[in-house]
Amino acid sequence: IDFVAGAGNGTALDRLETQVLRAALGEQAERVPIASLLWQTGDWPTSTAARVGQALVALRDQVLPGGRCDVPDPDAALPGVCRHEDARAATVNRVLLPVLAQGGGSGAIILGRA
């Protein structure tokens, strides 16, 4: 996994996402870049579709998106949180999209380059 298009939305789900990524990715969770566009758009019922778009752009253009997290919560953020506001070049072959919903319906997909 080269990038996590996170579901971080500023709620208690951020802590859950952090715990799930640490459990699923092990030590790699402490290194993989992660960003959520929900700080720009807010969360809504179909926001996962926008995050899929973010992942596809990262794969196509070989860039990591900017993010904004001035003071990460140590219990709800991984060290790889994108803390730069502008996109930056990176090798991106696989993107993980965790999908966490208030009240359930959680899952994940991995998108990759052909």
N, C-alpha and C. Protein backbone atom coordinates (compact mmCIF):
# COMPACT_ATOMS: atom_id res chain seq x y z
N ILE A 1 0.86 -1.17 0.00
CA ILE A 1 0.00 0.00 0.00
C ILE A 1 0.91 1.23 0.00
N ASP A 2 0.70 2.10 -0.99
CA ASP A 2 1.52 3.30 -1.12
C ASP A 2 0.83 4.56 -0.61
N PHE A 3 -0.48 4.49 -0.43
CA PHE A 3 -1.24 5.65 0.01
C PHE A 3 -2.57 5.17 0.59
N VAL A 4 -3.02 5.82 1.65
CA VAL A 4 -4.34 5.55 2.21
C VAL A 4 -5.20 6.79 2.00
N ALA A 5 -6.27 6.63 1.22
CA ALA A 5 -7.25 7.70 1.03
C ALA A 5 -8.22 7.58 2.20
N GLY A 6 -7.86 8.21 3.29
CA GLY A 6 -8.52 8.01 4.57
C GLY A 6 -9.94 8.54 4.62
N ALA A 7 -10.65 8.05 5.64
CA ALA A 7 -12.03 8.44 5.88
C ALA A 7 -12.12 9.47 7.00
N GLY A 8 -10.99 10.01 7.44
CA GLY A 8 -10.97 10.94 8.56
C GLY A 8 -11.94 12.09 8.36
N ASN A 9 -12.88 12.20 9.31
CA ASN A 9 -13.89 13.25 9.19
C ASN A 9 -14.04 14.08 10.46
N GLY A 10 -13.09 13.93 11.38
CA GLY A 10 -13.12 14.74 12.59
C GLY A 10 -14.05 14.21 13.66
N THR A 11 -14.47 12.94 13.55
CA THR A 11 -15.33 12.34 14.56
C THR A 11 -14.59 11.21 15.26
N ALA A 12 -15.30 10.51 16.12
CA ALA A 12 -14.72 9.36 16.82
C ALA A 12 -14.27 8.27 15.85
N LEU A 13 -14.78 8.29 14.61
CA LEU A 13 -14.34 7.30 13.63
C LEU A 13 -12.87 7.45 13.28
N ASP A 14 -12.30 8.64 13.48
CA ASP A 14 -10.87 8.83 13.20
C ASP A 14 -10.03 7.90 14.08
N ARG A 15 -10.39 7.77 15.34
CA ARG A 15 -9.66 6.87 16.24
C ARG A 15 -9.83 5.42 15.79
N LEU A 16 -11.05 5.07 15.40
CA LEU A 16 -11.30 3.72 14.93
C LEU A 16 -10.49 3.43 13.67
N GLU A 17 -10.47 4.37 12.74
CA GLU A 17 -9.69 4.19 11.51
C GLU A 17 -8.22 3.97 11.83
N THR A 18 -7.68 4.74 12.76
CA THR A 18 -6.28 4.59 13.15
C THR A 18 -6.03 3.20 13.72
N GLN A 19 -6.90 2.73 14.58
CA GLN A 19 -6.75 1.40 15.18
C GLN A 19 -6.84 0.31 14.11
N VAL A 20 -7.79 0.45 13.19
CA VAL A 20 -7.97 -0.54 12.13
C VAL A 20 -6.75 -0.57 11.21
N LEU A 21 -6.24 0.59 10.83
CA LEU A 21 -5.06 0.63 9.95
C LEU A 21 -3.85 0.02 10.64
N ARG A 22 -3.68 0.29 11.91
CA ARG A 22 -2.56 -0.32 12.64
C ARG A 22 -2.70 -1.84 12.71
N ALA A 23 -3.92 -2.33 12.92
CA ALA A 23 -4.15 -3.77 12.98
C ALA A 23 -3.95 -4.41 11.61
N ALA A 24 -4.42 -3.77 10.55
CA ALA A 24 -4.36 -4.35 9.21
C ALA A 24 -2.98 -4.25 8.58
N LEU A 25 -2.31 -3.12 8.78
CA LEU A 25 -1.04 -2.87 8.09
C LEU A 25 0.19 -3.09 8.94
N GLY A 26 0.01 -3.28 10.23
CA GLY A 26 1.16 -3.48 11.10
C GLY A 26 2.09 -2.28 11.08
N GLU A 27 3.38 -2.55 11.02
CA GLU A 27 4.39 -1.47 11.04
C GLU A 27 4.25 -0.52 9.85
N GLN A 28 3.75 -1.01 8.73
CA GLN A 28 3.61 -0.14 7.55
C GLN A 28 2.64 1.01 7.83
N ALA A 29 1.70 0.81 8.75
CA ALA A 29 0.75 1.89 9.08
C ALA A 29 1.47 3.11 9.63
N GLU A 30 2.63 2.92 10.21
CA GLU A 30 3.39 4.04 10.78
C GLU A 30 4.17 4.80 9.72
N ARG A 31 4.19 4.28 8.47
CA ARG A 31 4.99 4.92 7.40
C ARG A 31 4.17 5.37 6.20
N VAL A 32 3.07 4.71 5.93
CA VAL A 32 2.31 4.97 4.71
C VAL A 32 1.65 6.36 4.76
N PRO A 33 1.74 7.11 3.67
CA PRO A 33 1.06 8.41 3.62
C PRO A 33 -0.46 8.22 3.68
N ILE A 34 -1.11 9.09 4.42
CA ILE A 34 -2.56 9.05 4.55
C ILE A 34 -3.11 10.46 4.48
N ALA A 35 -4.21 10.61 3.76
CA ALA A 35 -4.86 11.92 3.67
C ALA A 35 -6.36 11.70 3.50
N SER A 36 -7.12 12.63 3.99
CA SER A 36 -8.57 12.61 3.81
C SER A 36 -8.99 13.93 3.19
N LEU A 37 -9.76 13.86 2.13
CA LEU A 37 -10.24 15.10 1.53
C LEU A 37 -11.47 15.64 2.26
N LEU A 38 -11.94 14.91 3.26
CA LEU A 38 -13.15 15.34 3.96
C LEU A 38 -12.95 16.62 4.75
N TRP A 39 -11.71 17.01 5.02
CA TRP A 39 -11.48 18.31 5.68
C TRP A 39 -11.85 19.45 4.74
N GLN A 40 -11.85 19.17 3.42
CA GLN A 40 -12.20 20.19 2.44
C GLN A 40 -13.67 20.15 2.05
N THR A 41 -14.26 18.97 2.09
CA THR A 41 -15.61 18.79 1.54
C THR A 41 -16.67 18.53 2.59
N GLY A 42 -16.25 18.08 3.76
CA GLY A 42 -17.21 17.58 4.73
C GLY A 42 -17.59 16.15 4.38
N ASP A 43 -18.31 15.52 5.27
CA ASP A 43 -18.71 14.13 5.09
C ASP A 43 -20.18 14.11 4.67
N TRP A 44 -20.52 13.25 3.74
CA TRP A 44 -21.90 13.11 3.30
C TRP A 44 -22.08 11.65 2.87
N PRO A 45 -23.31 11.20 2.65
CA PRO A 45 -23.55 9.78 2.41
C PRO A 45 -22.77 9.16 1.25
N THR A 46 -22.43 9.92 0.23
CA THR A 46 -21.71 9.35 -0.90
C THR A 46 -20.27 9.88 -1.00
N SER A 47 -19.72 10.33 0.12
CA SER A 47 -18.36 10.88 0.08
C SER A 47 -17.31 9.85 -0.29
N THR A 48 -17.61 8.57 -0.13
CA THR A 48 -16.66 7.54 -0.55
C THR A 48 -16.36 7.65 -2.04
N ALA A 49 -17.35 8.03 -2.84
CA ALA A 49 -17.13 8.19 -4.28
C ALA A 49 -16.08 9.26 -4.55
N ALA A 50 -16.09 10.35 -3.78
CA ALA A 50 -15.08 11.39 -3.95
C ALA A 50 -13.71 10.85 -3.56
N ARG A 51 -13.66 10.01 -2.52
CA ARG A 51 -12.37 9.44 -2.12
C ARG A 51 -11.85 8.45 -3.14
N VAL A 52 -12.75 7.74 -3.83
CA VAL A 52 -12.33 6.87 -4.94
C VAL A 52 -11.70 7.73 -6.03
N GLY A 53 -12.32 8.86 -6.33
CA GLY A 53 -11.74 9.79 -7.30
C GLY A 53 -10.36 10.25 -6.88
N GLN A 54 -10.20 10.57 -5.60
CA GLN A 54 -8.89 10.98 -5.06
C GLN A 54 -7.87 9.87 -5.28
N ALA A 55 -8.26 8.64 -5.03
CA ALA A 55 -7.36 7.50 -5.22
C ALA A 55 -6.99 7.32 -6.69
N LEU A 56 -7.96 7.45 -7.58
CA LEU A 56 -7.69 7.29 -9.00
C LEU A 56 -6.75 8.37 -9.52
N VAL A 57 -6.92 9.59 -9.05
CA VAL A 57 -6.01 10.67 -9.45
C VAL A 57 -4.59 10.38 -8.93
N ALA A 58 -4.49 9.91 -7.70
CA ALA A 58 -3.16 9.58 -7.15
C ALA A 58 -2.48 8.51 -8.00
N LEU A 59 -3.24 7.49 -8.41
CA LEU A 59 -2.69 6.41 -9.24
C LEU A 59 -2.32 6.91 -10.63
N ARG A 60 -3.20 7.69 -11.24
CA ARG A 60 -2.96 8.16 -12.62
C ARG A 60 -1.82 9.16 -12.69
N ASP A 61 -1.83 10.15 -11.77
CA ASP A 61 -0.87 11.24 -11.85
C ASP A 61 0.39 11.03 -11.01
N GLN A 62 0.41 9.93 -10.23
CA GLN A 62 1.56 9.63 -9.37
C GLN A 62 1.84 10.79 -8.41
N VAL A 63 0.81 11.20 -7.71
CA VAL A 63 0.92 12.28 -6.73
C VAL A 63 0.16 11.91 -5.45
N LEU A 64 0.63 12.46 -4.35
CA LEU A 64 -0.11 12.39 -3.09
C LEU A 64 -0.81 13.73 -2.92
N PRO A 65 -2.05 13.70 -2.47
CA PRO A 65 -2.77 14.96 -2.29
C PRO A 65 -2.24 15.73 -1.10
N GLY A 66 -2.50 17.01 -1.09
CA GLY A 66 -2.20 17.79 0.09
C GLY A 66 -3.21 17.48 1.18
N GLY A 67 -2.93 17.95 2.34
CA GLY A 67 -3.83 17.74 3.46
C GLY A 67 -3.62 18.86 4.46
N ARG A 68 -4.45 18.88 5.44
CA ARG A 68 -4.28 19.92 6.45
C ARG A 68 -4.55 19.31 7.81
N CYS A 69 -3.51 19.21 8.58
CA CYS A 69 -3.62 18.65 9.92
C CYS A 69 -2.51 19.30 10.73
N ASP A 70 -2.79 20.49 11.24
CA ASP A 70 -1.76 21.26 11.91
C ASP A 70 -1.27 20.60 13.20
N VAL A 71 -2.19 20.05 13.99
CA VAL A 71 -1.83 19.40 15.25
C VAL A 71 -2.57 18.07 15.31
N PRO A 72 -1.95 17.00 14.79
CA PRO A 72 -2.63 15.71 14.78
C PRO A 72 -2.89 15.19 16.19
N ASP A 73 -4.04 14.58 16.39
CA ASP A 73 -4.38 13.90 17.63
C ASP A 73 -3.59 12.59 17.65
N PRO A 74 -2.71 12.37 18.61
CA PRO A 74 -1.88 11.16 18.60
C PRO A 74 -2.70 9.87 18.67
N ASP A 75 -3.92 9.93 19.20
CA ASP A 75 -4.76 8.74 19.26
C ASP A 75 -5.57 8.53 17.99
N ALA A 76 -5.61 9.54 17.13
CA ALA A 76 -6.47 9.46 15.95
C ALA A 76 -5.75 9.80 14.66
N ALA A 77 -4.43 9.78 14.68
CA ALA A 77 -3.68 10.10 13.46
C ALA A 77 -2.41 9.26 13.44
N LEU A 78 -2.05 8.84 12.25
CA LEU A 78 -0.81 8.10 12.06
C LEU A 78 0.30 9.05 11.64
N PRO A 79 1.57 8.66 11.84
CA PRO A 79 2.67 9.55 11.48
C PRO A 79 2.69 9.97 10.01
N GLY A 80 2.10 9.16 9.13
CA GLY A 80 2.12 9.47 7.69
C GLY A 80 1.06 10.45 7.24
N VAL A 81 0.32 11.06 8.16
CA VAL A 81 -0.71 12.02 7.77
C VAL A 81 -0.07 13.12 6.93
N CYS A 82 -0.65 13.36 5.76
CA CYS A 82 -0.14 14.40 4.86
C CYS A 82 -0.36 15.76 5.49
N ARG A 83 0.73 16.44 5.84
CA ARG A 83 0.63 17.72 6.52
C ARG A 83 1.08 18.87 5.65
N HIS A 84 1.12 18.65 4.36
CA HIS A 84 1.48 19.70 3.41
C HIS A 84 0.22 20.04 2.63
N GLU A 85 0.04 21.28 2.27
CA GLU A 85 -1.21 21.68 1.63
C GLU A 85 -1.23 21.43 0.12
N ASP A 86 -0.09 21.21 -0.49
CA ASP A 86 -0.03 21.02 -1.93
C ASP A 86 0.27 19.57 -2.25
N ALA A 87 -0.19 19.11 -3.42
CA ALA A 87 0.12 17.76 -3.88
C ALA A 87 1.62 17.63 -4.10
N ARG A 88 2.11 16.39 -3.97
CA ARG A 88 3.54 16.15 -4.21
C ARG A 88 3.72 14.84 -4.95
N ALA A 89 4.76 14.78 -5.77
CA ALA A 89 5.04 13.59 -6.57
C ALA A 89 5.38 12.41 -5.66
N ALA A 90 4.94 11.22 -6.07
CA ALA A 90 5.23 10.00 -5.33
C ALA A 90 4.95 8.80 -6.23
N THR A 91 5.56 7.67 -5.93
CA THR A 91 5.23 6.44 -6.62
C THR A 91 4.01 5.84 -5.93
N VAL A 92 2.94 5.72 -6.68
CA VAL A 92 1.69 5.21 -6.11
C VAL A 92 1.20 4.06 -6.99
N ASN A 93 1.32 2.84 -6.47
CA ASN A 93 0.87 1.65 -7.19
C ASN A 93 -0.40 1.04 -6.61
N ARG A 94 -0.61 1.20 -5.30
CA ARG A 94 -1.79 0.67 -4.63
C ARG A 94 -2.30 1.68 -3.61
N VAL A 95 -3.61 1.88 -3.61
CA VAL A 95 -4.26 2.80 -2.68
C VAL A 95 -5.32 2.04 -1.89
N LEU A 96 -5.28 2.19 -0.59
CA LEU A 96 -6.27 1.61 0.30
C LEU A 96 -7.32 2.65 0.64
N LEU A 97 -8.59 2.28 0.51
CA LEU A 97 -9.70 3.15 0.89
C LEU A 97 -10.50 2.47 1.99
N PRO A 98 -10.24 2.84 3.24
CA PRO A 98 -11.09 2.32 4.30
C PRO A 98 -12.43 3.05 4.26
N VAL A 99 -13.51 2.32 4.49
CA VAL A 99 -14.84 2.90 4.47
C VAL A 99 -15.47 2.63 5.84
N LEU A 100 -15.62 3.67 6.62
CA LEU A 100 -16.17 3.55 7.96
C LEU A 100 -17.44 4.39 8.03
N ALA A 101 -18.50 3.79 8.54
CA ALA A 101 -19.77 4.50 8.58
C ALA A 101 -20.29 4.59 10.01
N GLN A 102 -20.90 5.71 10.33
CA GLN A 102 -21.57 5.84 11.62
C GLN A 102 -22.63 4.74 11.67
N GLY A 103 -22.57 3.89 12.67
CA GLY A 103 -23.58 2.85 12.81
C GLY A 103 -23.29 1.57 12.03
N GLY A 104 -22.11 1.44 11.44
CA GLY A 104 -21.76 0.18 10.77
C GLY A 104 -21.56 0.36 9.28
N GLY A 105 -21.55 -0.76 8.59
CA GLY A 105 -21.35 -0.73 7.15
C GLY A 105 -19.91 -0.48 6.76
N SER A 106 -18.97 -0.93 7.57
CA SER A 106 -17.55 -0.67 7.31
C SER A 106 -16.97 -1.69 6.35
N GLY A 107 -15.92 -1.28 5.62
CA GLY A 107 -15.24 -2.16 4.69
C GLY A 107 -14.01 -1.46 4.16
N ALA A 108 -13.40 -2.01 3.13
CA ALA A 108 -12.22 -1.40 2.52
C ALA A 108 -12.07 -1.93 1.11
N ILE A 109 -11.47 -1.12 0.24
CA ILE A 109 -11.10 -1.57 -1.09
C ILE A 109 -9.67 -1.14 -1.36
N ILE A 110 -9.01 -1.89 -2.20
CA ILE A 110 -7.66 -1.54 -2.64
C ILE A 110 -7.71 -1.36 -4.15
N LEU A 111 -7.26 -0.21 -4.62
CA LEU A 111 -7.17 0.06 -6.05
C LEU A 111 -5.69 0.02 -6.43
N GLY A 112 -5.41 -0.49 -7.62
CA GLY A 112 -4.02 -0.57 -8.05
C GLY A 112 -3.87 -0.26 -9.53
N ARG A 113 -2.63 0.02 -9.91
CA ARG A 113 -2.30 0.26 -11.31
C ARG A 113 -2.29 -1.06 -12.05
N ALA A 114 -2.71 -1.01 -13.30
CA ALA A 114 -2.72 -2.22 -14.13
C ALA A 114 -1.33 -2.54 -14.61
